[in-house]
Amino acid sequence: MPSPKTKSEVLQAARDAHAEMQTYLASLTPEQRVAPLLDDGWSVKDSLAHIAAWEKMTIGWLEASLRGEYVKRFTPEFIQPDDQADAVRVMNELNNHLFEQNRNRSWDDVLADFNESHQRILAVIARMSEDDIFNPQRFAWRKGSAAIDMIAANTYGHYKEHLDWMRQQVGEK
């Protein structure tokens, strides 16, 4: 799929990727949803919790940006450093932290959270202007990277990444 060029296309890409994920999830057995079949002992449930957590962080960053605030990623406990090598390390530590926070949640709770975060991020994107989404100079904290890059990475791009991973590890349904 070509990169979205309008807000409408961004919203549709996110909806389509979410629908594809939902179709795949519906094909899994209850055991496949929670078994540690993915790399590092993750389950499909853990992967969904991870996606939802990143969507919620993105929602916070976008809402703060729209209020004119300068955002520091990732979270107060895991601030992204300027050095790229350190940024990867911090992101990995954050992902491990998110995994530990969510590993004991039920499938139903994680799925509901995943669906809710998806609806919330769609609502935030819908409130944004085309300039907010596509102008690389719009938000200073983005340092010349348009918000679409972050939106794609934490919605439809993230869904695809994890769905591909699930299909490889758990199997195509």
Foldseek 3Di string as FASTA:
>chain_A
DDQDLALVVLLVLLVVLVVVLVVQVVPDDQCQQQALQFPPRGGVLLLLLLLLVLLVQLLVVLVCVVVVHQDFDDDPVQGQDPDPVVNVVSVVVVSVVSSVVPSPDDSVVSVVSSVVSSVSSSVSSVPDHSCQAPPLPSGVNSVSHGNVVSSCVSGSVSSVVVVVRSCVRVHGD
